[in-house]
PDB file of N, CA and C in Angstrom:
ATOM      1  N   UNK A   1     -19.662  19.150   6.886  1.00  0.00           N
ATOM      2  CA  UNK A   1     -19.673  18.574   5.554  1.00  0.00           C
ATOM      3  C   UNK A   1     -19.229  17.115   5.610  1.00  0.00           C
ATOM      4  N   UNK A   2     -19.991  16.302   4.960  1.00  0.00           N
ATOM      5  CA  UNK A   2     -19.729  14.853   4.957  1.00  0.00           C
ATOM      6  C   UNK A   2     -18.732  14.516   3.859  1.00  0.00           C
ATOM      7  N   UNK A   3     -17.706  13.739   4.149  1.00  0.00           N
ATOM      8  CA  UNK A   3     -16.756  13.326   3.126  1.00  0.00           C
ATOM      9  C   UNK A   3     -17.424  12.321   2.217  1.00  0.00           C
ATOM     10  N   UNK A   4     -17.109  12.421   0.968  1.00  0.00           N
ATOM     11  CA  UNK A   4     -17.674  11.493  -0.036  1.00  0.00           C
ATOM     12  C   UNK A   4     -16.945  10.179   0.117  1.00  0.00           C
ATOM     13  N   UNK A   5     -17.638   9.070  -0.092  1.00  0.00           N
ATOM     14  CA  UNK A   5     -16.999   7.757  -0.075  1.00  0.00           C
ATOM     15  C   UNK A   5     -16.342   7.506  -1.447  1.00  0.00           C
ATOM     16  N   UNK A   6     -15.210   6.984  -1.400  1.00  0.00           N
ATOM     17  CA  UNK A   6     -14.450   6.718  -2.636  1.00  0.00           C
ATOM     18  C   UNK A   6     -13.893   5.332  -2.547  1.00  0.00           C
ATOM     19  N   UNK A   7     -14.101   4.546  -3.596  1.00  0.00           N
ATOM     20  CA  UNK A   7     -13.551   3.180  -3.624  1.00  0.00           C
ATOM     21  C   UNK A   7     -12.205   3.233  -4.373  1.00  0.00           C
ATOM     22  N   UNK A   8     -11.230   2.576  -3.777  1.00  0.00           N
ATOM     23  CA  UNK A   8      -9.905   2.502  -4.358  1.00  0.00           C
ATOM     24  C   UNK A   8      -9.965   1.749  -5.698  1.00  0.00           C
ATOM     25  N   UNK A   9      -9.288   2.311  -6.747  1.00  0.00           N
ATOM     26  CA  UNK A   9      -9.226   1.703  -8.074  1.00  0.00           C
ATOM     27  C   UNK A   9      -7.767   1.346  -8.281  1.00  0.00           C
ATOM     28  N   UNK A  10      -7.421   0.081  -8.423  1.00  0.00           N
ATOM     29  CA  UNK A  10      -6.025  -0.334  -8.539  1.00  0.00           C
ATOM     30  C   UNK A  10      -5.330  -0.021  -9.879  1.00  0.00           C
ATOM     31  N   UNK A  11      -6.102   0.549 -10.830  1.00  0.00           N
ATOM     32  CA  UNK A  11      -5.564   0.772 -12.183  1.00  0.00           C
ATOM     33  C   UNK A  11      -4.340   1.687 -12.197  1.00  0.00           C
ATOM     34  N   UNK A  12      -4.394   2.788 -11.433  1.00  0.00           N
ATOM     35  CA  UNK A  12      -3.262   3.667 -11.362  1.00  0.00           C
ATOM     36  C   UNK A  12      -2.081   3.052 -10.706  1.00  0.00           C
ATOM     37  N   UNK A  13      -2.323   2.234  -9.692  1.00  0.00           N
ATOM     38  CA  UNK A  13      -1.196   1.583  -9.024  1.00  0.00           C
ATOM     39  C   UNK A  13      -0.514   0.609 -10.009  1.00  0.00           C
ATOM     40  N   UNK A  14      -1.347  -0.123 -10.801  1.00  0.00           N
ATOM     41  CA  UNK A  14      -0.767  -1.001 -11.841  1.00  0.00           C
ATOM     42  C   UNK A  14       0.073  -0.236 -12.836  1.00  0.00           C
ATOM     43  N   UNK A  15      -0.438   0.956 -13.274  1.00  0.00           N
ATOM     44  CA  UNK A  15       0.322   1.786 -14.186  1.00  0.00           C
ATOM     45  C   UNK A  15       1.641   2.210 -13.636  1.00  0.00           C
ATOM     46  N   UNK A  16       1.638   2.592 -12.376  1.00  0.00           N
ATOM     47  CA  UNK A  16       2.878   3.085 -11.705  1.00  0.00           C
ATOM     48  C   UNK A  16       3.865   1.904 -11.563  1.00  0.00           C
ATOM     49  N   UNK A  17       3.393   0.720 -11.285  1.00  0.00           N
ATOM     50  CA  UNK A  17       4.289  -0.416 -11.176  1.00  0.00           C
ATOM     51  C   UNK A  17       4.891  -0.771 -12.530  1.00  0.00           C
ATOM     52  N   UNK A  18       4.110  -0.664 -13.577  1.00  0.00           N
ATOM     53  CA  UNK A  18       4.603  -0.967 -14.925  1.00  0.00           C
ATOM     54  C   UNK A  18       5.705  -0.013 -15.372  1.00  0.00           C
ATOM     55  N   UNK A  19       5.693   1.183 -14.809  1.00  0.00           N
ATOM     56  CA  UNK A  19       6.684   2.197 -15.152  1.00  0.00           C
ATOM     57  C   UNK A  19       8.056   1.834 -14.609  1.00  0.00           C
ATOM     58  N   UNK A  20       8.081   1.017 -13.563  1.00  0.00           N
ATOM     59  CA  UNK A  20       9.343   0.643 -12.970  1.00  0.00           C
ATOM     60  C   UNK A  20       9.854  -0.681 -13.529  1.00  0.00           C
ATOM     61  N   UNK A  21      11.092  -0.985 -13.238  1.00  0.00           N
ATOM     62  CA  UNK A  21      11.677  -2.274 -13.676  1.00  0.00           C
ATOM     63  C   UNK A  21      11.744  -3.212 -12.430  1.00  0.00           C
ATOM     64  N   UNK A  22      10.954  -2.822 -11.393  1.00  0.00           N
ATOM     65  CA  UNK A  22      11.077  -3.570 -10.137  1.00  0.00           C
ATOM     66  C   UNK A  22       9.969  -4.614 -10.025  1.00  0.00           C
ATOM     67  N   UNK A  23      10.234  -5.676  -9.278  1.00  0.00           N
ATOM     68  CA  UNK A  23       9.234  -6.640  -9.012  1.00  0.00           C
ATOM     69  C   UNK A  23       8.306  -6.185  -7.871  1.00  0.00           C
ATOM     70  N   UNK A  24       7.182  -6.814  -7.707  1.00  0.00           N
ATOM     71  CA  UNK A  24       6.261  -6.532  -6.604  1.00  0.00           C
ATOM     72  C   UNK A  24       7.010  -6.629  -5.274  1.00  0.00           C
ATOM     73  N   UNK A  25       7.827  -7.670  -5.116  1.00  0.00           N
ATOM     74  CA  UNK A  25       8.577  -7.834  -3.870  1.00  0.00           C
ATOM     75  C   UNK A  25       9.528  -6.657  -3.627  1.00  0.00           C
ATOM     76  N   UNK A  26      10.200  -6.250  -4.679  1.00  0.00           N
ATOM     77  CA  UNK A  26      11.176  -5.083  -4.538  1.00  0.00           C
ATOM     78  C   UNK A  26      10.412  -3.826  -4.172  1.00  0.00           C
ATOM     79  N   UNK A  27       9.309  -3.592  -4.813  1.00  0.00           N
ATOM     80  CA  UNK A  27       8.520  -2.340  -4.535  1.00  0.00           C
ATOM     81  C   UNK A  27       8.045  -2.398  -3.108  1.00  0.00           C
ATOM     82  N   UNK A  28       7.522  -3.542  -2.688  1.00  0.00           N
ATOM     83  CA  UNK A  28       6.995  -3.672  -1.318  1.00  0.00           C
ATOM     84  C   UNK A  28       8.171  -3.375  -0.299  1.00  0.00           C
ATOM     85  N   UNK A  29       9.247  -3.948  -0.494  1.00  0.00           N
ATOM     86  CA  UNK A  29      10.386  -3.801   0.326  1.00  0.00           C
ATOM     87  C   UNK A  29      10.825  -2.302   0.381  1.00  0.00           C
ATOM     88  N   UNK A  30      10.989  -1.734  -0.783  1.00  0.00           N
ATOM     89  CA  UNK A  30      11.476  -0.324  -0.849  1.00  0.00           C
ATOM     90  C   UNK A  30      10.463   0.688  -0.318  1.00  0.00           C
ATOM     91  N   UNK A  31       9.193   0.386  -0.505  1.00  0.00           N
ATOM     92  CA  UNK A  31       8.134   1.299  -0.121  1.00  0.00           C
ATOM     93  C   UNK A  31       7.714   1.017   1.333  1.00  0.00           C
ATOM     94  N   UNK A  32       8.256  -0.050   1.945  1.00  0.00           N
ATOM     95  CA  UNK A  32       7.956  -0.377   3.330  1.00  0.00           C
ATOM     96  C   UNK A  32       6.469  -0.823   3.497  1.00  0.00           C
ATOM     97  N   UNK A  33       5.996  -1.616   2.611  1.00  0.00           N
ATOM     98  CA  UNK A  33       4.681  -2.204   2.683  1.00  0.00           C
ATOM     99  C   UNK A  33       4.835  -3.721   2.569  1.00  0.00           C
ATOM    100  N   UNK A  34       3.826  -4.464   3.027  1.00  0.00           N
ATOM    101  CA  UNK A  34       3.870  -5.940   2.917  1.00  0.00           C
ATOM    102  C   UNK A  34       3.586  -6.374   1.489  1.00  0.00           C
ATOM    103  N   UNK A  35       4.353  -7.289   0.969  1.00  0.00           N
ATOM    104  CA  UNK A  35       4.161  -7.785  -0.409  1.00  0.00           C
ATOM    105  C   UNK A  35       2.780  -8.399  -0.596  1.00  0.00           C
ATOM    106  N   UNK A  36       2.313  -9.161   0.426  1.00  0.00           N
ATOM    107  CA  UNK A  36       0.986  -9.775   0.290  1.00  0.00           C
ATOM    108  C   UNK A  36      -0.081  -8.714   0.222  1.00  0.00           C
ATOM    109  N   UNK A  37       0.056  -7.644   0.979  1.00  0.00           N
ATOM    110  CA  UNK A  37      -0.908  -6.542   0.985  1.00  0.00           C
ATOM    111  C   UNK A  37      -0.879  -5.841  -0.363  1.00  0.00           C
ATOM    112  N   UNK A  38       0.303  -5.608  -0.927  1.00  0.00           N
ATOM    113  CA  UNK A  38       0.408  -4.974  -2.243  1.00  0.00           C
ATOM    114  C   UNK A  38      -0.322  -5.858  -3.296  1.00  0.00           C
ATOM    115  N   UNK A  39      -0.095  -7.125  -3.236  1.00  0.00           N
ATOM    116  CA  UNK A  39      -0.797  -8.020  -4.212  1.00  0.00           C
ATOM    117  C   UNK A  39      -2.319  -7.948  -4.023  1.00  0.00           C
ATOM    118  N   UNK A  40      -2.812  -7.867  -2.796  1.00  0.00           N
ATOM    119  CA  UNK A  40      -4.239  -7.798  -2.523  1.00  0.00           C
ATOM    120  C   UNK A  40      -4.802  -6.443  -3.072  1.00  0.00           C
ATOM    121  N   UNK A  41      -4.020  -5.361  -2.942  1.00  0.00           N
ATOM    122  CA  UNK A  41      -4.490  -4.112  -3.470  1.00  0.00           C
ATOM    123  C   UNK A  41      -4.576  -4.115  -4.983  1.00  0.00           C
ATOM    124  N   UNK A  42      -3.592  -4.728  -5.591  1.00  0.00           N
ATOM    125  CA  UNK A  42      -3.534  -4.838  -7.039  1.00  0.00           C
ATOM    126  C   UNK A  42      -4.714  -5.638  -7.608  1.00  0.00           C
ATOM    127  N   UNK A  43      -5.100  -6.674  -6.873  1.00  0.00           N
ATOM    128  CA  UNK A  43      -6.173  -7.571  -7.319  1.00  0.00           C
ATOM    129  C   UNK A  43      -7.552  -7.136  -6.820  1.00  0.00           C
ATOM    130  N   UNK A  44      -7.609  -6.041  -6.061  1.00  0.00           N
ATOM    131  CA  UNK A  44      -8.876  -5.464  -5.618  1.00  0.00           C
ATOM    132  C   UNK A  44      -9.473  -6.203  -4.417  1.00  0.00           C
ATOM    133  N   UNK A  45      -8.656  -7.022  -3.722  1.00  0.00           N
ATOM    134  CA  UNK A  45      -9.203  -7.720  -2.546  1.00  0.00           C
ATOM    135  C   UNK A  45      -9.183  -6.871  -1.312  1.00  0.00           C
ATOM    136  N   UNK A  46      -8.349  -5.846  -1.270  1.00  0.00           N
ATOM    137  CA  UNK A  46      -8.232  -4.990  -0.125  1.00  0.00           C
ATOM    138  C   UNK A  46      -7.886  -3.560  -0.606  1.00  0.00           C
ATOM    139  N   UNK A  47      -8.115  -2.629   0.201  1.00  0.00           N
ATOM    140  CA  UNK A  47      -7.704  -1.210  -0.069  1.00  0.00           C
ATOM    141  C   UNK A  47      -6.611  -0.827   0.845  1.00  0.00           C
ATOM    142  N   UNK A  48      -5.589  -0.047   0.407  1.00  0.00           N
ATOM    143  CA  UNK A  48      -4.520   0.345   1.296  1.00  0.00           C
ATOM    144  C   UNK A  48      -5.017   1.317   2.349  1.00  0.00           C
ATOM    145  N   UNK A  49      -4.427   1.214   3.555  1.00  0.00           N
ATOM    146  CA  UNK A  49      -4.695   2.211   4.592  1.00  0.00           C
ATOM    147  C   UNK A  49      -4.092   3.554   4.182  1.00  0.00           C
ATOM    148  N   UNK A  50      -4.541   4.561   4.856  1.00  0.00           N
ATOM    149  CA  UNK A  50      -3.969   5.932   4.539  1.00  0.00           C
ATOM    150  C   UNK A  50      -2.442   5.903   4.646  1.00  0.00           C
ATOM    151  N   UNK A  51      -1.965   5.235   5.694  1.00  0.00           N
ATOM    152  CA  UNK A  51      -0.503   5.182   5.919  1.00  0.00           C
ATOM    153  C   UNK A  51       0.171   4.533   4.708  1.00  0.00           C
ATOM    154  N   UNK A  52      -0.337   3.363   4.294  1.00  0.00           N
ATOM    155  CA  UNK A  52       0.263   2.672   3.152  1.00  0.00           C
ATOM    156  C   UNK A  52       0.081   3.408   1.826  1.00  0.00           C
ATOM    157  N   UNK A  53      -1.062   4.090   1.670  1.00  0.00           N
ATOM    158  CA  UNK A  53      -1.254   4.912   0.453  1.00  0.00           C
ATOM    159  C   UNK A  53      -0.191   6.007   0.367  1.00  0.00           C
ATOM    160  N   UNK A  54       0.096   6.631   1.507  1.00  0.00           N
ATOM    161  CA  UNK A  54       1.062   7.691   1.526  1.00  0.00           C
ATOM    162  C   UNK A  54       2.430   7.153   1.245  1.00  0.00           C
ATOM    163  N   UNK A  55       2.789   5.961   1.804  1.00  0.00           N
ATOM    164  CA  UNK A  55       4.071   5.334   1.568  1.00  0.00           C
ATOM    165  C   UNK A  55       4.264   5.084   0.087  1.00  0.00           C
ATOM    166  N   UNK A  56       3.199   4.487  -0.543  1.00  0.00           N
ATOM    167  CA  UNK A  56       3.315   4.172  -1.946  1.00  0.00           C
ATOM    168  C   UNK A  56       3.352   5.430  -2.833  1.00  0.00           C
ATOM    169  N   UNK A  57       2.548   6.410  -2.481  1.00  0.00           N
ATOM    170  CA  UNK A  57       2.581   7.678  -3.239  1.00  0.00           C
ATOM    171  C   UNK A  57       3.957   8.335  -3.189  1.00  0.00           C
ATOM    172  N   UNK A  58       4.520   8.302  -1.974  1.00  0.00           N
ATOM    173  CA  UNK A  58       5.869   8.836  -1.804  1.00  0.00           C
ATOM    174  C   UNK A  58       6.881   8.023  -2.667  1.00  0.00           C
ATOM    175  N   UNK A  59       6.761   6.746  -2.615  1.00  0.00           N
ATOM    176  CA  UNK A  59       7.677   5.862  -3.374  1.00  0.00           C
ATOM    177  C   UNK A  59       7.615   6.193  -4.886  1.00  0.00           C
ATOM    178  N   UNK A  60       6.413   6.285  -5.394  1.00  0.00           N
ATOM    179  CA  UNK A  60       6.205   6.530  -6.827  1.00  0.00           C
ATOM    180  C   UNK A  60       6.288   8.016  -7.192  1.00  0.00           C
ATOM    181  N   UNK A  61       6.441   8.889  -6.167  1.00  0.00           N
ATOM    182  CA  UNK A  61       6.563  10.332  -6.417  1.00  0.00           C
ATOM    183  C   UNK A  61       5.295  10.887  -7.085  1.00  0.00           C
ATOM    184  N   UNK A  62       4.117  10.486  -6.528  1.00  0.00           N
ATOM    185  CA  UNK A  62       2.832  10.960  -7.061  1.00  0.00           C
ATOM    186  C   UNK A  62       2.012  11.358  -5.853  1.00  0.00           C
ATOM    187  N   UNK A  63       0.877  12.004  -6.083  1.00  0.00           N
ATOM    188  CA  UNK A  63      -0.026  12.315  -4.961  1.00  0.00           C
ATOM    189  C   UNK A  63      -0.866  11.106  -4.605  1.00  0.00           C
ATOM    190  N   UNK A  64      -1.452  11.110  -3.449  1.00  0.00           N
ATOM    191  CA  UNK A  64      -2.324  10.040  -3.017  1.00  0.00           C
ATOM    192  C   UNK A  64      -3.519   9.988  -3.974  1.00  0.00           C
ATOM    193  N   UNK A  65      -4.034  11.178  -4.359  1.00  0.00           N
ATOM    194  CA  UNK A  65      -5.157  11.184  -5.285  1.00  0.00           C
ATOM    195  C   UNK A  65      -4.822  10.490  -6.601  1.00  0.00           C
ATOM    196  N   UNK A  66      -3.597  10.661  -7.111  1.00  0.00           N
ATOM    197  CA  UNK A  66      -3.153   9.998  -8.319  1.00  0.00           C
ATOM    198  C   UNK A  66      -3.028   8.499  -8.082  1.00  0.00           C
ATOM    199  N   UNK A  67      -2.493   8.116  -6.918  1.00  0.00           N
ATOM    200  CA  UNK A  67      -2.278   6.737  -6.625  1.00  0.00           C
ATOM    201  C   UNK A  67      -3.637   5.951  -6.602  1.00  0.00           C
ATOM    202  N   UNK A  68      -4.625   6.546  -5.890  1.00  0.00           N
ATOM    203  CA  UNK A  68      -5.846   5.837  -5.669  1.00  0.00           C
ATOM    204  C   UNK A  68      -6.852   6.009  -6.871  1.00  0.00           C
ATOM    205  N   UNK A  69      -6.519   6.779  -7.869  1.00  0.00           N
ATOM    206  CA  UNK A  69      -7.394   6.924  -8.994  1.00  0.00           C
ATOM    207  C   UNK A  69      -8.337   8.081  -9.016  1.00  0.00           C
ATOM    208  N   UNK A  70      -8.259   8.971  -8.040  1.00  0.00           N
ATOM    209  CA  UNK A  70      -9.096  10.163  -8.074  1.00  0.00           C
ATOM    210  C   UNK A  70      -8.716  11.181  -9.082  1.00  0.00           C
ATOM    211  N   UNK A  71      -7.411  11.150  -9.428  1.00  0.00           N
ATOM    212  CA  UNK A  71      -6.879  12.044 -10.446  1.00  0.00           C
ATOM    213  C   UNK A  71      -6.011  11.229 -11.406  1.00  0.00           C
ATOM    214  N   UNK A  72      -5.945  11.629 -12.630  1.00  0.00           N
ATOM    215  CA  UNK A  72      -5.039  10.973 -13.560  1.00  0.00           C
ATOM    216  C   UNK A  72      -3.564  11.205 -13.152  1.00  0.00           C
ATOM    217  N   UNK A  73      -2.731  10.276 -13.505  1.00  0.00           N
ATOM    218  CA  UNK A  73      -1.312  10.365 -13.179  1.00  0.00           C
ATOM    219  C   UNK A  73      -0.689  11.357 -14.140  1.00  0.00           C
ATOM    220  N   UNK A  74       0.025  12.323 -13.511  1.00  0.00           N
ATOM    221  CA  UNK A  74       0.750  13.353 -14.266  1.00  0.00           C
ATOM    222  C   UNK A  74       2.039  12.779 -14.759  1.00  0.00           C
ATOM    223  N   UNK A  75       2.392  13.055 -16.011  1.00  0.00           N
ATOM    224  CA  UNK A  75       3.683  12.520 -16.560  1.00  0.00           C
ATOM    225  C   UNK A  75       4.800  13.421 -16.228  1.00  0.00           C
TER     226      UNK A  75
END
C-alpha cells in the first residue's frame, strides 16, 4: 500500500501557539527545536521533520495528526 502524500499546513501550529502565552523563542527552547526552523514552519517555507513534529506534538499535548492539520485540534 502506498502512503498518501500530505502537505504540512501551519494553521494548526499557529492555533496551538496562540493558546500559549509563550514567545516563539520560548516554545522553541522548551520543545527542543530551533527557533529559525519553527519560524519557517509557521511561514510555510519548510515542513518539520518527523522528529520535530513529534517534539512539538508532545510539547502541545496533541497528536501529530492534529499538529500537521490532518485532524482538527481537540479541545
